[in-house]
Amino acid sequence: MTDSIRRVAIVGGSRIPFCRSNTVYADKSNLDMLSATIDGIADRFKLEGEQLDEVMAGAVMTHSKDFNLAREAVLSSKLSPLTPGITLQQACGTSLQAALNIGAKIATGQIESGIAAGTDTTSDAPIVFGKKFAKRLIKLSQARSMKQRMSALKGFSPAELKPVSPTNGEIRTGLSMGQHCERMAQEWQIERAAQDQLAFDSHQKAAAAYDAGFFDDLVIPWGGISRDNNLRADTSLEKLGTLRTVFDKGPNATLSAGNSTSLTDGASAVLLCSEEWAKKHKLPVQSYLVTGRSAAVDFVNDEGLLMAPTVAVAEMLQQTGLSLQDFDYYEIHEAFAAQVLANFKEMGITEKDYEKVNVNGSCISIGHCLGATGARILTTLLYEMQRRNARRGLVAICGGGGMGVCGI
């Protein structure tokens, strides 16, 4: 421990390409992808066999066997098996929150180094049986005689075999994120044309970033692919405008598959440490993680489900005495174009600021791997800041449950 707060160095990050659900990574698991991404960090910064103080990681869509996901990923990676693995989950803010948690421990001297990471797959989603059949199976496994087995099967109906698929619906409202966002689009008066424009710009920016080699040091080839396969460099406003709305069929509906993120598989990670540790290991410091904030909104009573980042940012700026104008670049998670534009309105980001927002594309073009997105956009921001010799950047993520996470 230390009596003074230390600076938290960000050395760099790594990720595998993000891929549409049930495509390239259809047979891959969260463990496969997370381990590969941690290896990307180990390879890039020559940490093979190194004992780090922590790896903190998580996923949103998990199987029961993933209860110790971070630790299992460490054991499957090139890091020393003496490295602890901590699994956490905060919806889409998971890996950004992991970075903030590790950063706080580094700042106070509890640890010297750590990897914050996230992964998610909707290709390998947990599909389970209903509660009635699950209880029947437990009872059957405990049976010790034929009579007890027959008793466990008594009253069985083939209907019990119907699987229960995972959903991104909110438990408290029964509505999906898209349905909630459609409500937000109406409340914040976000027009379809503006949403399509933001989606188009996202694809154009990401395509340009790939062509310029921006992602060469960020994305490691894996699974036979070296580039995000959700990216549509050839899309157009005309094509986007022809897509049907998907979350509401009413006359005021605006959200389409084109201006919303797709279901995506992938993983990302970022290495943080003290300045002393970086110097000892002869690693460059690309940036510093200064502070962060989490917040929540009462979406059950009609506050916008995906508006919590605006609260988190406002509280963080109040704590630090900064304003939005004090930042050179912003990375704002694109769950839906309507959500981004509603966040902009609430935060006070105007069109004149757009050239500083998500300048290398974001989730609509690259893909949104739920638990992996935080580490991805944090790493993207720091690489852009280093490239532009920028002084300060802001990252913000909305998430399920009406939560938001942000950082400087």
Protein backbone atom coordinates (compact mmCIF):
# COMPACT_ATOMS: atom_id res chain seq x y z
CA MET A 1 0.00 0.00 0.00
CA THR A 2 1.03 3.62 -0.47
CA ASP A 3 0.16 6.85 1.31
CA SER A 4 -0.14 8.72 -2.00
CA ILE A 5 -2.13 8.05 -5.15
CA ARG A 6 0.01 6.75 -7.99
CA ARG A 7 -0.58 7.25 -11.70
CA VAL A 8 -2.13 4.30 -13.51
CA ALA A 9 -0.27 3.57 -16.73
CA ILE A 10 -1.96 2.01 -19.74
CA VAL A 11 0.63 0.08 -21.72
CA GLY A 12 -1.58 -1.12 -24.55
CA GLY A 13 -4.27 -3.51 -25.62
CA SER A 14 -5.11 -6.40 -27.88
CA ARG A 15 -8.20 -7.99 -29.34
CA ILE A 16 -9.27 -10.60 -31.80
CA PRO A 17 -11.47 -9.59 -34.75
CA PHE A 18 -15.12 -9.14 -33.83
CA CYS A 19 -17.38 -11.40 -35.88
CA ARG A 20 -21.11 -11.67 -36.46
CA SER A 21 -22.86 -14.30 -34.41
CA ASN A 22 -22.87 -17.81 -35.89
CA THR A 23 -20.19 -17.05 -38.48
CA VAL A 24 -16.42 -17.47 -38.03
CA TYR A 25 -16.52 -18.13 -34.28
CA ALA A 26 -19.58 -20.37 -34.31
CA ASP A 27 -17.61 -23.20 -32.66
CA LYS A 28 -15.59 -21.01 -30.29
CA SER A 29 -16.30 -20.45 -26.61
CA ASN A 30 -15.82 -17.48 -24.31
CA LEU A 31 -12.84 -19.31 -22.83
CA ASP A 32 -11.28 -19.83 -26.27
CA MET A 33 -11.61 -16.17 -27.22
CA LEU A 34 -10.58 -14.71 -23.87
CA SER A 35 -7.49 -16.93 -23.66
CA ALA A 36 -6.46 -15.94 -27.19
CA THR A 37 -6.81 -12.26 -26.36
CA ILE A 38 -4.76 -12.56 -23.17
CA ASP A 39 -2.13 -14.35 -25.24
CA GLY A 40 -2.19 -11.38 -27.58
CA ILE A 41 -1.15 -9.17 -24.65
CA ALA A 42 1.48 -11.69 -23.53
CA ASP A 43 2.96 -11.94 -27.03
CA ARG A 44 2.99 -8.25 -27.77
CA PHE A 45 4.55 -7.16 -24.49
CA LYS A 46 6.76 -10.24 -23.99
CA LEU A 47 4.99 -11.44 -20.86
CA GLU A 48 5.08 -15.18 -21.51
CA GLY A 49 5.50 -16.94 -18.16
CA GLU A 50 5.12 -13.63 -16.30
CA GLN A 51 3.17 -13.53 -13.04
CA LEU A 52 0.81 -10.55 -13.11
CA ASP A 53 -0.99 -9.38 -10.01
CA GLU A 54 -4.46 -9.81 -11.51
CA VAL A 55 -6.47 -10.60 -14.58
CA MET A 56 -10.00 -9.27 -14.22
CA ALA A 57 -12.44 -10.25 -16.93
CA GLY A 58 -16.00 -11.27 -17.60
CA ALA A 59 -18.78 -12.00 -20.06
CA VAL A 60 -22.51 -11.35 -20.18
CA MET A 61 -23.65 -14.54 -21.95
CA THR A 62 -22.17 -17.40 -19.96
CA HIS A 63 -22.64 -21.06 -19.23
CA SER A 64 -22.66 -22.42 -15.70
CA LYS A 65 -19.24 -23.93 -16.45
CA ASP A 66 -17.90 -20.38 -16.90
CA PHE A 67 -18.23 -19.58 -13.19
CA ASN A 68 -14.44 -19.14 -12.93
CA LEU A 69 -13.93 -17.78 -16.45
CA ALA A 70 -11.08 -15.33 -15.82
CA ARG A 71 -9.00 -17.85 -13.87
CA GLU A 72 -9.57 -20.59 -16.45
CA ALA A 73 -8.52 -18.18 -19.20
CA VAL A 74 -5.29 -17.42 -17.32
CA LEU A 75 -4.58 -21.15 -16.98
CA SER A 76 -5.18 -21.55 -20.72
CA SER A 77 -2.91 -18.61 -21.58
CA LYS A 78 0.83 -17.99 -21.77
CA LEU A 79 0.87 -16.10 -18.46
CA SER A 80 2.22 -17.71 -15.31
CA PRO A 81 -0.36 -20.00 -13.67
CA LEU A 82 0.35 -18.07 -10.47
CA THR A 83 -1.60 -15.12 -11.88
CA PRO A 84 -4.99 -14.76 -10.13
CA GLY A 85 -8.10 -14.46 -12.28
CA ILE A 86 -11.14 -12.51 -11.08
CA THR A 87 -14.46 -12.81 -12.91
CA LEU A 88 -16.92 -9.92 -12.84
CA GLN A 89 -19.94 -8.77 -14.83
CA GLN A 90 -21.52 -5.34 -15.32
CA ALA A 91 -23.41 -5.86 -18.57
CA CYS A 92 -21.83 -3.97 -21.48
CA GLY A 93 -19.58 -2.02 -19.11
CA THR A 94 -17.87 -5.19 -17.82
CA SER A 95 -14.34 -4.76 -19.17
CA LEU A 96 -14.27 -0.98 -18.64
CA GLN A 97 -15.29 -1.54 -15.03
CA ALA A 98 -12.56 -4.17 -14.80
CA ALA A 99 -10.05 -1.55 -15.94
CA LEU A 100 -11.32 0.91 -13.34
CA ASN A 101 -11.12 -1.72 -10.60
CA ILE A 102 -7.57 -2.70 -11.52
CA GLY A 103 -6.65 0.96 -11.87
CA ALA A 104 -7.87 1.75 -8.37
CA LYS A 105 -5.75 -1.06 -6.93
CA ILE A 106 -2.68 0.13 -8.82
CA ALA A 107 -3.28 3.74 -7.74
CA THR A 108 -3.40 2.78 -4.06
CA GLY A 109 -0.43 0.42 -4.26
CA GLN A 110 -2.33 -2.83 -3.71
CA ILE A 111 -1.04 -4.26 -6.98
CA GLU A 112 1.51 -3.34 -9.64
CA SER A 113 0.01 -4.82 -12.80
CA GLY A 114 -3.17 -6.28 -14.25
CA ILE A 115 -5.07 -7.11 -17.39
CA ALA A 116 -8.67 -5.97 -17.79
CA ALA A 117 -10.56 -7.98 -20.37
CA GLY A 118 -13.92 -9.08 -21.63
CA THR A 119 -15.41 -11.61 -23.98
CA ASP A 120 -18.81 -12.62 -25.28
CA THR A 121 -20.40 -15.01 -27.71
CA THR A 122 -24.00 -15.32 -28.81
CA SER A 123 -23.01 -18.25 -31.05
CA ASP A 124 -22.35 -20.40 -27.96
CA ALA A 125 -25.26 -19.03 -25.95
CA PRO A 126 -26.46 -21.00 -22.92
CA ILE A 127 -29.66 -22.80 -23.85
CA VAL A 128 -31.28 -24.54 -20.90
CA PHE A 129 -34.43 -26.44 -20.02
CA GLY A 130 -37.34 -24.92 -18.16
CA LYS A 131 -37.50 -25.01 -14.37
CA LYS A 132 -39.93 -27.93 -14.22
CA PHE A 133 -37.78 -30.27 -16.29
CA ALA A 134 -34.58 -29.07 -14.59
CA LYS A 135 -36.02 -29.99 -11.19
CA ARG A 136 -37.12 -33.33 -12.61
CA LEU A 137 -33.56 -34.06 -13.79
CA ILE A 138 -32.15 -33.20 -10.35
CA LYS A 139 -34.66 -35.49 -8.71
CA LEU A 140 -33.82 -38.23 -11.22
CA SER A 141 -30.08 -37.89 -10.53
CA GLN A 142 -30.76 -38.34 -6.81
CA ALA A 143 -32.92 -41.43 -7.29
CA ARG A 144 -31.43 -44.63 -5.87
CA SER A 145 -34.09 -47.15 -6.82
CA MET A 146 -36.31 -47.93 -9.79
CA LYS A 147 -39.32 -46.73 -7.80
CA GLN A 148 -37.68 -43.39 -7.12
CA ARG A 149 -36.72 -43.05 -10.82
CA MET A 150 -40.28 -43.75 -11.92
CA SER A 151 -41.53 -41.25 -9.37
CA ALA A 152 -39.20 -38.60 -10.76
CA LEU A 153 -40.56 -39.22 -14.27
CA LYS A 154 -44.22 -39.30 -13.23
CA GLY A 155 -46.29 -36.75 -15.12
CA PHE A 156 -43.55 -36.03 -17.65
CA SER A 157 -44.70 -34.19 -20.77
CA PRO A 158 -42.70 -33.78 -24.01
CA ALA A 159 -43.51 -30.07 -23.75
CA GLU A 160 -41.00 -29.90 -20.89
CA LEU A 161 -38.23 -30.51 -23.43
CA LYS A 162 -38.76 -27.11 -25.03
CA PRO A 163 -35.50 -25.21 -24.46
CA VAL A 164 -35.33 -21.78 -22.88
CA SER A 165 -33.18 -19.56 -25.07
CA PRO A 166 -31.29 -16.55 -23.68
CA THR A 167 -32.70 -13.11 -24.35
CA ASN A 168 -31.51 -9.54 -24.05
CA GLY A 169 -34.87 -8.52 -22.66
CA GLU A 170 -34.96 -6.61 -19.40
CA ILE A 171 -36.36 -8.75 -16.59
CA ARG A 172 -38.16 -5.82 -14.97
CA THR A 173 -39.99 -4.67 -18.09
CA GLY A 174 -39.97 -7.62 -20.48
CA LEU A 175 -38.80 -5.29 -23.24
CA SER A 176 -35.66 -5.77 -25.30
CA MET A 177 -32.93 -3.13 -25.47
CA GLY A 178 -34.14 -2.26 -28.95
CA GLN A 179 -37.69 -1.70 -27.76
CA HIS A 180 -36.44 0.48 -24.94
CA CYS A 181 -34.27 2.41 -27.39
CA GLU A 182 -37.25 2.91 -29.69
CA ARG A 183 -38.95 4.62 -26.77
CA MET A 184 -35.85 6.75 -26.27
CA ALA A 185 -35.85 7.76 -29.93
CA GLN A 186 -39.39 9.07 -29.54
CA GLU A 187 -38.72 10.86 -26.25
CA TRP A 188 -35.50 12.54 -27.40
CA GLN A 189 -36.90 13.11 -30.91
CA ILE A 190 -34.20 11.25 -32.81
CA GLU A 191 -35.12 11.00 -36.48
CA ARG A 192 -34.45 7.95 -38.67
CA ALA A 193 -32.32 9.96 -41.12
CA ALA A 194 -29.94 11.06 -38.35
CA GLN A 195 -29.62 7.47 -37.13
CA ASP A 196 -28.81 6.17 -40.60
CA GLN A 197 -26.25 8.93 -41.07
CA LEU A 198 -24.47 8.01 -37.84
CA ALA A 199 -24.46 4.32 -38.83
CA PHE A 200 -23.10 5.16 -42.30
CA ASP A 201 -20.38 7.35 -40.80
CA SER A 202 -19.42 4.56 -38.37
CA HIS A 203 -18.79 2.12 -41.24
CA GLN A 204 -16.89 4.71 -43.28
CA LYS A 205 -14.65 5.66 -40.35
CA ALA A 206 -13.86 2.03 -39.47
CA ALA A 207 -13.11 1.15 -43.09
CA ALA A 208 -10.80 4.16 -43.41
CA ALA A 209 -9.06 3.22 -40.16
CA TYR A 210 -8.39 -0.30 -41.44
CA ASP A 211 -7.12 1.03 -44.76
CA ALA A 212 -4.77 3.41 -42.93
CA GLY A 213 -3.36 0.58 -40.79
CA PHE A 214 -4.74 1.97 -37.54
CA PHE A 215 -5.87 -1.46 -36.34
CA ASP A 216 -2.65 -3.29 -37.30
CA ASP A 217 -1.28 -3.21 -33.75
CA LEU A 218 -4.65 -3.62 -32.09
CA VAL A 219 -6.22 -6.62 -33.80
CA ILE A 220 -4.49 -10.00 -33.79
CA PRO A 221 -5.48 -12.51 -36.51
CA TRP A 222 -7.34 -15.44 -34.99
CA GLY A 223 -9.71 -18.14 -36.11
CA GLY A 224 -8.72 -17.67 -39.74
CA ILE A 225 -9.73 -14.02 -39.88
CA SER A 226 -7.82 -10.75 -39.43
CA ARG A 227 -10.60 -8.15 -39.75
CA ASP A 228 -14.01 -7.54 -38.17
CA ASN A 229 -16.56 -9.17 -40.45
CA ASN A 230 -19.46 -6.91 -39.50
CA LEU A 231 -17.85 -3.96 -41.27
CA ARG A 232 -19.67 -2.86 -44.42
CA ALA A 233 -17.45 -0.42 -46.30
CA ASP A 234 -19.80 -0.53 -49.29
CA THR A 235 -22.97 0.43 -47.45
CA SER A 236 -24.77 3.63 -48.38
CA LEU A 237 -27.39 5.93 -46.95
CA GLU A 238 -29.73 4.69 -49.65
CA LYS A 239 -29.26 1.04 -48.60
CA LEU A 240 -29.67 1.89 -44.93
CA GLY A 241 -32.82 3.84 -45.68
CA THR A 242 -34.51 0.82 -47.28
CA LEU A 243 -34.14 -1.45 -44.24
CA ARG A 244 -37.30 -2.20 -42.30
CA THR A 245 -37.67 -1.31 -38.64
CA VAL A 246 -37.18 -4.30 -36.36
CA PHE A 247 -38.27 -3.39 -32.83
CA ASP A 248 -41.56 -1.64 -33.60
CA LYS A 249 -43.72 -1.76 -36.69
CA GLY A 250 -45.69 1.41 -35.95
CA PRO A 251 -45.56 4.55 -38.13
CA ASN A 252 -43.10 6.27 -35.78
CA ALA A 253 -40.62 3.38 -35.58
CA THR A 254 -37.03 4.27 -36.53
CA LEU A 255 -34.62 1.51 -35.45
CA SER A 256 -33.46 -0.87 -38.16
CA ALA A 257 -30.84 -3.61 -38.32
CA GLY A 258 -28.61 -1.10 -40.10
CA ASN A 259 -28.59 1.55 -37.39
CA SER A 260 -28.35 -0.96 -34.52
CA THR A 261 -25.48 -3.19 -33.45
CA SER A 262 -25.53 -6.81 -34.54
CA LEU A 263 -25.06 -9.83 -32.30
CA THR A 264 -21.29 -10.30 -32.24
CA ASP A 265 -18.62 -12.67 -30.89
CA GLY A 266 -15.16 -11.55 -29.75
CA ALA A 267 -12.82 -10.58 -26.93
CA SER A 268 -10.52 -7.70 -26.00
CA ALA A 269 -7.99 -6.89 -23.28
CA VAL A 270 -5.87 -4.00 -21.98
CA LEU A 271 -2.70 -4.01 -19.85
CA LEU A 272 -2.46 -1.56 -16.93
CA CYS A 273 0.35 -1.09 -14.42
CA SER A 274 2.30 1.29 -12.24
CA GLU A 275 4.96 3.45 -13.86
CA GLU A 276 7.59 1.56 -11.88
CA TRP A 277 6.41 -1.80 -13.20
CA ALA A 278 6.39 -0.49 -16.78
CA LYS A 279 9.93 0.82 -16.38
CA LYS A 280 11.13 -2.45 -14.85
CA HIS A 281 9.71 -4.41 -17.79
CA LYS A 282 10.89 -1.83 -20.34
CA LEU A 283 7.36 -1.20 -21.57
CA PRO A 284 6.15 2.07 -23.07
CA VAL A 285 3.36 4.00 -21.33
CA GLN A 286 0.80 5.06 -23.91
CA SER A 287 -1.58 6.88 -21.60
CA TYR A 288 -2.91 7.08 -18.04
CA LEU A 289 -6.25 6.04 -16.60
CA VAL A 290 -7.24 8.96 -14.40
CA THR A 291 -10.68 8.26 -12.97
CA GLY A 292 -14.05 6.74 -13.71
CA ARG A 293 -17.65 6.63 -12.61
CA SER A 294 -20.62 4.26 -12.69
CA ALA A 295 -24.25 5.36 -12.57
CA ALA A 296 -27.75 3.97 -12.98
CA VAL A 297 -31.17 5.25 -14.03
CA ASP A 298 -34.68 4.19 -13.02
CA PHE A 299 -35.60 2.78 -16.42
CA VAL A 300 -38.45 0.75 -14.93
CA ASN A 301 -40.26 4.05 -14.34
CA ASP A 302 -39.54 5.32 -17.84
CA GLU A 303 -36.13 6.90 -17.54
CA GLY A 304 -34.30 5.90 -20.72
CA LEU A 305 -32.70 2.47 -20.33
CA LEU A 306 -29.49 3.49 -22.12
CA MET A 307 -29.14 7.02 -20.73
CA ALA A 308 -27.08 6.19 -17.63
CA PRO A 309 -23.76 7.21 -19.27
CA THR A 310 -25.01 10.80 -19.34
CA VAL A 311 -25.48 10.67 -15.56
CA ALA A 312 -22.10 9.01 -15.01
CA VAL A 313 -20.32 11.56 -17.19
CA ALA A 314 -22.04 14.52 -15.53
CA GLU A 315 -21.11 13.24 -12.06
CA MET A 316 -17.53 12.51 -13.13
CA LEU A 317 -17.09 15.98 -14.64
CA GLN A 318 -18.48 17.55 -11.48
CA GLN A 319 -15.99 15.57 -9.38
CA THR A 320 -13.02 16.53 -11.55
CA GLY A 321 -13.99 20.12 -12.33
CA LEU A 322 -13.72 19.43 -16.07
CA SER A 323 -16.11 20.18 -18.91
CA LEU A 324 -16.74 18.33 -22.17
CA GLN A 325 -14.70 20.97 -23.96
CA ASP A 326 -11.62 19.87 -22.02
CA PHE A 327 -11.44 16.60 -24.01
CA ASP A 328 -9.72 16.08 -27.33
CA TYR A 329 -11.54 12.86 -28.22
CA TYR A 330 -14.59 10.88 -27.11
CA GLU A 331 -15.38 7.18 -27.43
CA ILE A 332 -19.11 6.69 -26.92
CA HIS A 333 -20.42 3.13 -27.16
CA GLU A 334 -22.76 2.64 -30.12
CA ALA A 335 -25.43 0.21 -28.99
CA PHE A 336 -27.91 1.92 -31.29
CA ALA A 337 -27.53 5.10 -33.32
CA ALA A 338 -30.60 6.47 -31.55
CA GLN A 339 -28.99 5.84 -28.16
CA VAL A 340 -25.79 7.62 -29.19
CA LEU A 341 -27.69 10.65 -30.45
CA ALA A 342 -29.89 10.76 -27.35
CA ASN A 343 -26.75 10.58 -25.19
CA PHE A 344 -25.25 13.41 -27.23
CA LYS A 345 -28.31 15.58 -26.68
CA GLU A 346 -28.30 15.00 -22.95
CA MET A 347 -24.54 15.50 -22.57
CA GLY A 348 -24.39 18.58 -24.78
CA ILE A 349 -22.28 17.09 -27.58
CA THR A 350 -23.24 18.96 -30.76
CA GLU A 351 -22.52 18.45 -34.46
CA LYS A 352 -19.40 20.60 -34.23
CA ASP A 353 -17.99 17.99 -31.82
CA TYR A 354 -18.72 15.00 -34.08
CA GLU A 355 -15.26 15.06 -35.63
CA LYS A 356 -13.88 14.14 -32.19
CA VAL A 357 -16.31 11.26 -31.53
CA ASN A 358 -15.61 7.61 -32.43
CA VAL A 359 -13.17 8.72 -35.11
CA ASN A 360 -12.24 5.13 -36.03
CA GLY A 361 -15.77 3.76 -36.08
CA SER A 362 -17.42 1.95 -33.22
CA CYS A 363 -19.86 -0.81 -32.36
CA ILE A 364 -22.34 -0.35 -35.21
CA SER A 365 -19.56 -1.01 -37.73
CA ILE A 366 -17.07 -3.07 -35.72
CA GLY A 367 -19.53 -5.05 -33.63
CA HIS A 368 -20.58 -5.15 -30.00
CA CYS A 369 -19.34 -8.14 -27.99
CA LEU A 370 -21.09 -7.06 -24.78
CA GLY A 371 -18.47 -7.74 -22.09
CA ALA A 372 -15.59 -7.06 -24.50
CA THR A 373 -16.65 -3.62 -25.69
CA GLY A 374 -15.26 -1.61 -22.76
CA ALA A 375 -11.67 -2.78 -23.24
CA ARG A 376 -12.02 -2.36 -27.00
CA ILE A 377 -13.10 1.26 -26.97
CA LEU A 378 -10.69 2.16 -24.16
CA THR A 379 -7.78 0.76 -26.17
CA THR A 380 -9.01 2.39 -29.39
CA LEU A 381 -9.17 5.75 -27.63
CA LEU A 382 -5.67 5.58 -26.17
CA TYR A 383 -4.15 4.57 -29.52
CA GLU A 384 -5.90 7.46 -31.25
CA MET A 385 -4.76 9.86 -28.54
CA GLN A 386 -1.16 8.71 -28.92
CA ARG A 387 -1.35 8.99 -32.69
CA ARG A 388 -2.68 12.55 -32.47
CA ASN A 389 -0.57 13.55 -29.46
CA ALA A 390 -3.83 14.35 -27.66
CA ARG A 391 -3.97 15.28 -24.00
CA ARG A 392 -7.28 14.00 -22.69
CA GLY A 393 -9.99 11.55 -23.80
CA LEU A 394 -13.37 10.41 -22.48
CA VAL A 395 -14.90 6.95 -22.77
CA ALA A 396 -18.55 6.11 -21.93
CA ILE A 397 -20.66 2.96 -22.18
CA CYS A 398 -24.35 2.27 -21.67
CA GLY A 399 -25.45 -1.14 -20.45
CA GLY A 400 -28.32 -3.40 -19.55
CA GLY A 401 -30.15 -2.80 -16.30
CA GLY A 402 -30.05 0.96 -16.87
CA MET A 403 -26.35 1.24 -16.02
CA GLY A 404 -23.54 3.36 -17.41
CA VAL A 405 -19.76 3.45 -16.97
CA CYS A 406 -17.34 6.17 -18.01
CA GLY A 407 -13.69 7.08 -17.60
CA ILE A 408 -10.99 9.64 -18.34
